[in-house]
Protein backbone atom coordinates (compact mmCIF):
# COMPACT_ATOMS: atom_id res chain seq x y z
CA MET A 1 59.23 250.38 111.05
CA THR A 2 56.60 249.07 108.68
CA THR A 3 56.20 245.39 108.02
CA GLU A 4 54.98 244.61 104.55
CA GLN A 5 52.37 241.83 104.30
CA HIS A 6 51.28 240.08 101.25
CA TYR A 7 47.77 238.75 100.62
CA ASP A 8 46.19 236.89 97.85
CA ALA A 9 43.03 238.99 98.25
CA ILE A 10 42.10 242.18 100.07
CA VAL A 11 38.40 243.01 100.73
CA ILE A 12 37.53 246.57 101.82
CA GLY A 13 34.35 246.64 103.92
CA SER A 14 32.73 243.97 106.08
CA GLY A 15 29.10 244.37 104.93
CA GLN A 16 26.78 241.93 103.31
CA GLY A 17 28.91 241.64 100.20
CA GLY A 18 32.43 242.03 101.61
CA LYS A 19 32.19 239.65 104.67
CA PRO A 20 30.92 236.59 102.77
CA LEU A 21 33.34 237.19 99.92
CA ALA A 22 36.26 237.46 102.23
CA GLY A 23 35.13 234.18 103.90
CA ALA A 24 34.72 232.41 100.63
CA LEU A 25 38.17 233.49 99.48
CA ALA A 26 39.79 232.33 102.64
CA GLY A 27 37.85 229.16 102.59
CA ALA A 28 39.16 228.46 99.15
CA GLY A 29 42.78 228.71 100.44
CA HIS A 30 43.52 232.29 99.53
CA LYS A 31 45.23 234.37 102.27
CA THR A 32 42.74 237.18 102.62
CA ALA A 33 42.60 240.46 104.56
CA ILE A 34 39.34 242.35 105.30
CA ILE A 35 39.63 246.08 106.19
CA GLU A 36 36.76 247.73 108.09
CA ARG A 37 36.98 251.45 108.88
CA GLU A 38 33.81 251.97 110.96
CA HIS A 39 31.83 248.97 112.13
CA VAL A 40 32.07 245.27 111.43
CA GLY A 41 28.88 244.12 109.75
CA GLY A 42 28.45 247.08 107.45
CA SER A 43 25.59 249.55 107.19
CA CYS A 44 22.88 246.98 107.35
CA VAL A 45 23.69 245.53 110.71
CA ASN A 46 24.85 248.83 112.33
CA VAL A 47 22.86 251.80 110.90
CA GLY A 48 20.55 250.28 108.30
CA CYS A 49 18.13 247.39 108.30
CA THR A 50 18.74 245.92 111.70
CA PRO A 51 18.36 249.05 113.87
CA THR A 52 15.65 250.72 111.74
CA LYS A 53 13.43 247.68 111.51
CA THR A 54 13.92 247.12 115.32
CA MET A 55 12.75 250.59 116.00
CA ILE A 56 9.87 250.22 113.56
CA ALA A 57 8.72 247.12 115.54
CA SER A 58 8.65 249.29 118.67
CA ALA A 59 6.69 251.88 116.85
CA ARG A 60 4.09 249.38 115.48
CA THR A 61 3.70 248.05 118.98
CA ALA A 62 2.68 251.53 120.20
CA TYR A 63 0.32 251.77 117.19
CA VAL A 64 -1.36 248.49 117.81
CA ASP A 65 -1.65 249.20 121.62
CA ARG A 66 -3.49 252.45 120.87
CA ARG A 67 -5.75 250.61 118.57
CA SER A 68 -6.45 247.76 120.98
CA ALA A 69 -10.01 249.00 121.74
CA ASP A 70 -10.93 248.35 118.05
CA TYR A 71 -10.37 244.66 118.80
CA GLY A 72 -12.34 244.70 122.11
CA VAL A 73 -9.18 244.88 124.31
CA HIS A 74 -9.04 247.98 126.44
CA ASN A 75 -5.69 249.31 127.84
CA GLY A 76 -4.49 252.45 129.48
CA SER A 77 -2.66 255.32 127.91
CA VAL A 78 0.45 254.49 125.84
CA THR A 79 3.81 256.14 126.62
CA VAL A 80 7.07 255.78 124.81
CA GLU A 81 10.47 255.82 126.51
CA MET A 82 12.98 256.63 123.76
CA THR A 83 15.98 255.60 125.92
CA GLU A 84 14.52 252.09 126.23
CA VAL A 85 13.61 251.86 122.53
CA ARG A 86 17.19 252.97 121.68
CA GLN A 87 18.68 250.51 124.07
CA ARG A 88 16.62 247.65 122.66
CA LYS A 89 17.76 248.59 119.24
CA GLN A 90 21.44 248.82 120.34
CA ASP A 91 21.29 245.44 122.10
CA ILE A 92 20.20 243.82 118.92
CA VAL A 93 22.80 245.69 116.84
CA ASP A 94 25.54 244.74 119.29
CA LYS A 95 24.54 241.03 119.12
CA PHE A 96 24.47 240.97 115.35
CA ARG A 97 27.75 242.89 114.99
CA ASP A 98 29.49 240.71 117.58
CA GLY A 99 28.28 237.52 115.69
CA VAL A 100 29.66 238.84 112.45
CA ARG A 101 33.05 239.71 114.12
CA GLN A 102 33.32 236.33 115.66
CA ILE A 103 32.81 234.59 112.32
CA ILE A 104 35.42 236.73 110.72
CA GLU A 105 37.93 236.32 113.43
CA SER A 106 37.36 232.47 113.60
CA THR A 107 37.89 232.02 109.83
CA LYS A 108 41.15 230.42 109.02
CA GLY A 109 43.25 232.38 106.60
CA LEU A 110 41.31 235.66 107.13
CA ASP A 111 42.77 238.62 108.97
CA LEU A 112 40.60 241.56 110.06
CA PHE A 113 42.12 245.11 110.10
CA LEU A 114 40.09 247.90 111.80
CA GLY A 115 41.06 251.19 110.12
CA GLU A 116 40.91 253.39 106.97
CA ALA A 117 41.71 251.75 103.67
CA ARG A 118 43.53 253.81 101.06
CA PHE A 119 45.07 252.84 97.77
CA THR A 120 48.78 253.58 97.09
CA GLY A 121 48.69 251.57 93.91
CA PRO A 122 46.36 249.31 91.90
CA LYS A 123 46.64 246.56 94.47
CA GLU A 124 48.50 248.18 97.39
CA LEU A 125 46.97 249.58 100.60
CA PRO A 126 49.05 250.75 103.62
CA GLY A 127 48.24 248.97 106.84
CA ARG A 128 46.95 251.55 109.33
CA SER A 129 44.92 250.16 112.24
CA GLU A 130 42.76 252.28 114.49
CA ARG A 131 41.13 251.44 117.74
CA TRP A 132 37.61 249.99 117.56
CA ARG A 133 34.82 252.54 118.14
CA ASN A 134 32.28 250.74 120.33
CA SER A 135 31.31 252.85 123.42
CA PRO A 136 27.94 254.86 123.19
CA ALA A 137 29.76 258.12 123.72
CA GLU A 138 32.30 257.40 120.91
CA ARG A 139 29.55 256.11 118.62
CA ARG A 140 27.41 259.33 119.07
CA GLN A 141 30.39 261.59 118.56
CA HIS A 142 31.24 259.81 115.41
CA LEU A 143 27.71 260.15 114.04
CA HIS A 144 28.08 263.94 113.78
CA GLN A 145 31.11 263.47 111.49
CA ARG A 146 29.11 261.62 108.83
CA ARG A 147 28.84 263.29 105.46
CA ARG A 148 25.69 264.72 104.00
CA PRO A 149 25.09 265.04 100.23
CA ALA A 150 25.03 268.44 98.66
CA LEU A 151 21.52 269.73 97.95
CA ASP A 152 20.64 270.96 94.55
CA PRO A 153 19.48 273.71 94.77
CA PRO A 154 21.07 274.42 98.10
CA ILE A 155 18.94 275.43 101.13
CA GLU A 156 20.03 278.77 102.55
CA GLY A 157 21.15 278.47 106.15
CA LEU A 158 20.80 274.68 106.34
CA ASP A 159 24.42 274.32 107.47
CA SER A 160 23.82 276.69 110.39
CA VAL A 161 21.00 274.63 112.02
CA PRO A 162 21.27 271.21 113.77
CA THR A 163 20.11 268.36 111.52
CA LEU A 164 19.55 264.66 111.77
CA ASP A 165 20.34 261.94 109.29
CA SER A 166 19.10 258.32 109.10
CA THR A 167 21.87 257.35 111.61
CA SER A 168 21.80 260.11 114.24
CA ILE A 169 17.96 260.10 114.52
CA MET A 170 18.12 256.61 116.09
CA GLU A 171 20.27 258.03 118.92
CA LEU A 172 17.77 260.46 120.21
CA ASP A 173 17.05 260.38 123.95
CA GLU A 174 13.47 261.79 123.66
CA VAL A 175 10.60 261.87 121.25
CA PRO A 176 10.79 265.04 119.08
CA GLU A 177 7.93 267.47 119.59
CA HIS A 178 7.69 268.18 115.95
CA LEU A 179 9.83 266.36 113.37
CA LEU A 180 10.37 268.00 109.95
CA VAL A 181 11.36 265.42 107.31
CA LEU A 182 13.16 266.72 104.21
CA GLY A 183 12.60 264.08 101.51
CA GLY A 184 9.84 261.68 100.53
CA GLY A 185 11.86 258.59 99.76
CA TYR A 186 11.66 255.36 101.65
CA VAL A 187 14.04 256.43 104.42
CA GLY A 188 12.18 259.57 105.13
CA LEU A 189 8.75 257.79 105.13
CA GLU A 190 9.87 255.02 107.45
CA PHE A 191 11.18 257.54 110.05
CA ALA A 192 8.22 259.83 109.55
CA GLN A 193 5.72 257.21 110.42
CA MET A 194 7.87 255.71 113.17
CA PHE A 195 8.16 258.94 115.05
CA ARG A 196 4.52 259.83 114.50
CA ARG A 197 3.72 256.54 116.28
CA PHE A 198 6.16 257.42 119.02
CA GLY A 199 4.14 260.58 119.51
CA SER A 200 5.77 263.35 117.46
CA GLU A 201 4.04 265.81 115.17
CA VAL A 202 5.45 265.17 111.70
CA THR A 203 5.66 267.11 108.52
CA ILE A 204 7.10 265.71 105.28
CA VAL A 205 8.48 268.20 102.67
CA GLN A 206 8.86 266.56 99.22
CA ARG A 207 10.01 268.50 96.05
CA GLY A 208 8.44 266.09 93.64
CA GLU A 209 4.87 265.64 92.57
CA GLN A 210 4.51 262.42 94.57
CA LEU A 211 6.16 260.49 97.39
CA LEU A 212 8.36 257.52 96.41
CA ALA A 213 9.36 258.71 92.98
CA ARG A 214 9.99 255.27 91.62
CA GLU A 215 6.45 254.07 92.24
CA ASP A 216 3.36 254.44 90.06
CA GLU A 217 1.25 257.51 90.82
CA ASP A 218 -1.72 255.44 92.23
CA VAL A 219 0.66 253.59 94.62
CA ALA A 220 2.34 256.77 95.73
CA GLU A 221 -1.04 258.44 96.32
CA ALA A 222 -2.26 255.35 98.36
CA VAL A 223 0.92 255.71 100.55
CA ALA A 224 0.28 259.44 100.97
CA GLU A 225 -3.27 258.73 102.02
CA ILE A 226 -2.11 256.19 104.61
CA LEU A 227 0.42 258.65 106.14
CA ARG A 228 -2.17 261.49 106.27
CA GLU A 229 -4.62 259.12 107.96
CA ASP A 230 -1.93 258.57 110.52
CA GLY A 231 -1.85 262.33 111.16
CA ILE A 232 1.30 263.21 109.20
CA GLU A 233 1.29 266.43 107.13
CA VAL A 234 2.50 265.58 103.61
CA LEU A 235 3.60 268.61 101.48
CA LEU A 236 4.13 267.73 97.85
CA GLU A 237 5.66 269.90 95.07
CA THR A 238 7.18 271.89 97.97
CA GLU A 239 10.65 273.48 97.81
CA ALA A 240 12.65 274.07 100.97
CA LEU A 241 14.17 277.62 100.62
CA ARG A 242 15.86 278.47 103.79
CA ALA A 243 16.45 277.27 107.41
CA GLU A 244 17.22 278.99 110.61
CA GLN A 245 16.98 278.47 114.35
CA ASN A 246 15.13 281.03 116.58
CA GLY A 247 15.95 281.98 120.11
CA ASP A 248 13.93 279.17 121.63
CA GLY A 249 15.88 276.58 119.67
CA GLU A 250 13.07 275.88 117.28
CA ILE A 251 13.94 275.19 113.56
CA GLN A 252 12.29 277.49 111.08
CA LEU A 253 12.05 275.95 107.65
CA THR A 254 10.71 278.27 104.92
CA VAL A 255 9.18 276.40 102.02
CA GLN A 256 7.46 277.23 98.76
CA THR A 257 4.28 275.15 98.24
CA PRO A 258 2.30 275.26 95.00
CA ASP A 259 0.03 277.89 96.63
CA GLU A 260 2.17 280.05 98.97
CA GLU A 261 5.36 280.60 100.94
CA ARG A 262 5.14 279.04 104.42
CA THR A 263 7.41 278.83 107.44
CA LEU A 264 7.30 275.45 109.19
CA SER A 265 8.44 275.32 112.85
CA GLY A 266 9.92 272.09 114.16
CA SER A 267 11.91 270.90 117.15
CA HIS A 268 14.03 268.53 114.93
CA LEU A 269 14.94 268.35 111.22
CA LEU A 270 15.70 265.05 109.40
CA VAL A 271 17.52 265.40 106.13
CA ALA A 272 16.60 262.18 104.26
CA ILE A 273 17.72 262.67 100.71
CA GLY A 274 20.39 259.92 100.39
CA ARG A 275 24.05 259.90 100.97
CA PRO A 276 27.12 259.77 98.82
CA PRO A 277 29.26 256.60 98.79
CA ASN A 278 32.09 256.25 101.26
CA THR A 279 34.72 256.16 98.47
CA ASP A 280 36.33 259.61 98.83
CA SER A 281 38.99 258.40 101.32
CA LEU A 282 39.99 255.37 99.20
CA ASP A 283 42.26 257.50 96.84
CA LEU A 284 40.87 255.71 93.87
CA ASP A 285 43.11 257.76 91.54
CA ALA A 286 46.22 256.07 93.06
CA ALA A 287 44.80 252.72 91.94
CA GLY A 288 43.56 254.04 88.55
CA VAL A 289 40.03 253.01 89.42
CA GLN A 290 37.27 254.99 87.71
CA ALA A 291 34.37 256.48 89.53
CA ASP A 292 31.42 258.68 88.36
CA GLU A 293 30.88 262.29 89.39
CA ARG A 294 29.11 261.25 92.53
CA GLY A 295 31.91 258.97 93.66
CA PHE A 296 30.35 255.63 92.74
CA ILE A 297 32.88 253.11 91.40
CA GLU A 298 32.15 252.23 87.78
CA VAL A 299 31.79 248.47 87.04
CA ASN A 300 30.71 246.24 84.13
CA GLU A 301 28.03 243.57 84.29
CA ARG A 302 30.56 241.30 86.05
CA LEU A 303 31.25 243.87 88.69
CA GLU A 304 34.78 244.37 87.26
CA THR A 305 36.30 247.83 87.43
CA ASN A 306 38.58 249.17 84.73
CA VAL A 307 41.58 247.85 86.55
CA PRO A 308 42.11 244.09 86.16
CA GLY A 309 41.64 242.11 89.39
CA VAL A 310 39.79 245.00 91.17
CA TYR A 311 36.12 244.54 91.69
CA ALA A 312 33.36 246.63 93.39
CA LEU A 313 30.13 245.45 94.96
CA GLY A 314 27.46 246.70 97.28
CA ASP A 315 26.57 250.36 97.77
CA ALA A 316 30.07 251.54 96.50
CA LYS A 317 29.13 250.77 92.99
CA GLY A 318 25.81 252.55 92.89
CA GLY A 319 22.60 250.95 91.71
CA PRO A 320 19.99 249.56 94.13
CA ALA A 321 21.29 250.10 97.67
CA PHE A 322 19.80 247.00 99.20
CA THR A 323 21.38 244.40 101.52
CA HIS A 324 20.13 241.57 99.39
CA ILE A 325 21.63 243.13 96.29
CA SER A 326 24.99 243.43 98.02
CA TYR A 327 24.78 239.70 98.88
CA ASP A 328 23.93 238.81 95.35
CA ASP A 329 26.91 240.86 94.13
CA PHE A 330 28.94 238.51 96.35
CA ARG A 331 27.33 235.52 94.61
CA ILE A 332 28.31 236.86 91.25
CA ILE A 333 31.99 237.47 92.16
CA ASN A 334 32.07 234.16 94.00
CA THR A 335 30.70 232.39 90.97
CA ASN A 336 33.10 233.89 88.54
CA LEU A 337 36.35 233.91 90.70
CA LEU A 338 36.04 230.74 92.55
CA GLU A 339 33.60 228.48 90.56
CA GLY A 340 34.67 229.30 87.04
CA GLY A 341 31.29 230.62 86.13
CA ASP A 342 30.02 233.59 84.07
CA ALA A 343 27.48 235.29 86.24
CA THR A 344 26.38 238.85 85.56
CA ILE A 345 23.97 241.46 86.94
CA THR A 346 22.24 241.74 83.50
CA ASP A 347 18.47 241.39 83.87
CA ARG A 348 18.74 240.84 87.57
CA LEU A 349 15.27 240.79 89.16
CA VAL A 350 15.30 243.49 91.81
CA SER A 351 12.88 243.49 94.73
CA TYR A 352 12.58 245.66 97.82
CA VAL A 353 10.33 246.45 100.70
CA VAL A 354 9.59 249.90 102.17
CA TYR A 355 8.87 249.32 105.87
CA ILE A 356 6.18 251.74 106.35
CA ASP A 357 3.02 250.15 107.88
CA PRO A 358 1.42 248.62 105.89
CA GLN A 359 4.48 247.47 104.07
CA LEU A 360 5.19 248.33 100.45
CA GLY A 361 6.68 245.36 98.57
CA ARG A 362 7.79 245.81 95.02
CA VAL A 363 9.44 243.46 92.45
CA GLY A 364 10.20 243.98 88.77
CA LEU A 365 8.59 246.62 86.53
CA SER A 366 6.08 249.16 87.59
CA GLU A 367 3.17 249.94 85.26
CA ARG A 368 4.87 253.21 84.26
CA GLU A 369 8.18 251.49 83.54
CA ALA A 370 6.53 248.82 81.41
CA ARG A 371 4.63 251.36 79.36
CA GLU A 372 7.70 253.48 78.84
CA GLN A 373 9.34 250.43 77.37
CA GLY A 374 6.59 250.13 74.95
CA ARG A 375 5.23 246.83 76.35
CA ASP A 376 1.66 245.69 75.76
CA VAL A 377 0.45 245.00 79.27
CA GLN A 378 -2.54 244.04 81.35
CA VAL A 379 -2.81 245.50 84.87
CA ALA A 380 -4.40 243.76 87.82
CA ARG A 381 -5.56 245.98 90.65
CA MET A 382 -7.31 245.21 93.98
CA PRO A 383 -7.80 247.11 97.26
CA MET A 384 -6.80 245.32 100.47
CA THR A 385 -10.44 245.73 101.56
CA HIS A 386 -11.08 242.72 99.20
CA VAL A 387 -8.76 240.49 101.17
CA PRO A 388 -10.59 238.34 103.73
CA ARG A 389 -7.61 237.79 105.90
CA ALA A 390 -6.94 241.54 106.07
CA LEU A 391 -10.53 242.20 107.08
CA GLU A 392 -10.30 239.62 109.91
CA MET A 393 -7.07 241.42 111.11
CA ASP A 394 -8.65 244.90 110.62
CA GLU A 395 -5.64 245.71 108.49
CA THR A 396 -7.32 246.81 105.22
CA ARG A 397 -5.28 249.83 104.21
CA GLY A 398 -3.52 249.69 100.86
CA MET A 399 -3.72 248.00 97.48
CA MET A 400 -2.31 245.29 95.29
CA LYS A 401 -1.15 245.74 91.75
CA ALA A 402 0.49 243.51 89.15
CA VAL A 403 1.70 244.08 85.59
CA VAL A 404 1.44 241.27 83.12
CA ASP A 405 2.67 240.89 79.61
CA ALA A 406 -0.47 240.78 77.44
CA ASP A 407 0.97 238.34 74.89
CA THR A 408 2.63 235.85 77.08
CA GLY A 409 0.81 236.08 80.39
CA ARG A 410 4.21 236.36 82.20
CA ILE A 411 4.27 238.61 85.18
CA LEU A 412 6.52 241.69 84.69
CA GLY A 413 6.14 243.25 88.14
CA CYS A 414 4.11 243.53 91.24
CA THR A 415 3.51 245.99 93.99
CA ILE A 416 1.87 245.04 97.20
CA LEU A 417 0.89 247.87 99.60
CA GLY A 418 -0.72 246.00 102.43
CA ILE A 419 -0.19 244.04 105.66
CA GLU A 420 2.87 241.88 105.19
CA GLY A 421 3.26 243.30 101.72
CA GLY A 422 6.81 242.17 101.52
CA GLU A 423 6.03 238.60 102.11
CA ILE A 424 3.20 238.51 99.56
CA MET A 425 5.41 240.29 97.03
CA SER A 426 8.05 237.58 97.61
CA MET A 427 5.58 234.91 96.48
CA VAL A 428 5.20 236.80 93.17
CA HIS A 429 8.93 237.14 93.03
CA ILE A 430 9.36 233.43 93.23
CA ALA A 431 6.79 232.89 90.47
CA MET A 432 8.63 235.40 88.26
CA MET A 433 11.92 233.54 88.86
CA GLY A 434 10.20 230.35 87.85
CA ASP A 435 8.79 232.14 84.63
CA LEU A 436 5.26 231.15 85.60
CA PRO A 437 2.25 232.61 83.96
CA TYR A 438 -0.08 234.70 85.97
CA THR A 439 -2.68 231.90 85.76
CA ALA A 440 -0.56 229.80 88.04
CA LEU A 441 -1.15 232.22 90.91
CA ARG A 442 -4.73 232.86 89.83
CA ASP A 443 -5.48 229.19 90.09
CA GLY A 444 -3.10 228.15 92.91
CA PRO A 445 -4.89 226.29 95.87
CA PHE A 446 -3.40 228.52 98.62
CA ALA A 447 -4.51 227.82 102.12
CA HIS A 448 -7.42 229.63 103.57
CA PRO A 449 -7.61 232.06 105.30
CA THR A 450 -4.16 233.47 104.35
CA LEU A 451 -2.92 236.65 102.78
CA ALA A 452 -1.37 234.50 100.09
CA GLU A 453 -4.81 233.57 98.67
CA SER A 454 -5.39 237.17 97.82
CA LEU A 455 -3.26 236.47 94.77
CA ASN A 456 -6.14 234.27 93.42
CA LYS A 457 -8.45 237.31 93.46
CA LEU A 458 -5.83 239.80 92.27
CA PHE A 459 -4.97 237.92 89.13
CA ALA A 460 -8.56 236.97 88.53
CA THR A 461 -9.29 240.63 87.87
CA LEU A 462 -7.49 240.21 84.55
CA ASP A 463 -10.20 237.90 83.27
CA GLY A 464 -13.09 240.35 83.88
């Protein structure tokens, strides 16, 4: 016997958009249900930001330990125990996830359902609860059931060899002898450098002419230089043709470089080319909700779908797949639904950080994007070797770059590839939000010696 339950609002997914939205709706007096099919807290807490950055911290510790003699501190050899790295990661994930779940379950007027959501009508979903997956064995078994996007063109034999994705690679019990990384985006680069620091040989295979396709050519080349300096082989303009596994268990990946056909041998293969959205099981057709050919739900600038009263936010709608963007999506819907506002995503200033080391922080337009828009721009550039604080820390790899409107002096975008690049970029982000001219940062009396004062010198290069 099925008991029908009526709610004022139903939220599918407990990530960085869904969880606060469900709480806000319940707090406003709306009886609300939140449905989570896989893990409370969403991708960020469970398989995204939290676990990856936790493991990156372990990798950086190994890197700094190996460099300790450069600072006059002499240690013994460095060894990495992957089981301990993984357990540290999982302890933090469990703590964060449990905290999210406690908040949801303690919110008055909010019911949590663990299971698969599927539309049977525009605003109808059958209640079907499943047991909570939480044990390590269940978690690892579930990892292998995750979907992988179709490759274009397809790689012959790839389906017949064992592969890793950005989730399953974090469950390894040992350091790979040689990790092959298919894809030169931010996910591939973060794991490539991480496992190189853990002790793996690493090769990156990138189809495009540069790593990080969204970045300017000079920035991408600076990133490639850093990775090569770390001992990572970076193959650009290289097409993966076929894959197979030999009798010794090694993965053989045949690639076409600009010069020749090569066969790469690796102990593990990470496929890091993105993932499709988890919308295929929702039966969007039953609700009449439109999605594009990749499965992303189509929305307008107010995050409304074509069905009145149905909204999409976070990764399900496409666009920048960042936690802070999901949370800003929540702000927009919250403003419009509960506060009577008229917020939109139009001209939203997007920032992000690639957690390689040194970090790559980016906000606004790149130089290439600005010029493609026909803007008259000035470009400020400076290597990190010109930053006193970076010299004191012996962290001088990278560069700083800013794009400024030549007529108004307003900052259009900024890229910081350097130690704590994300934090320095965020200072520029704040200035852009306040519509400050670049001279405000050029002339700001920032404390010495800090990384922040590097902005004085960066923007002063525009006056030369």
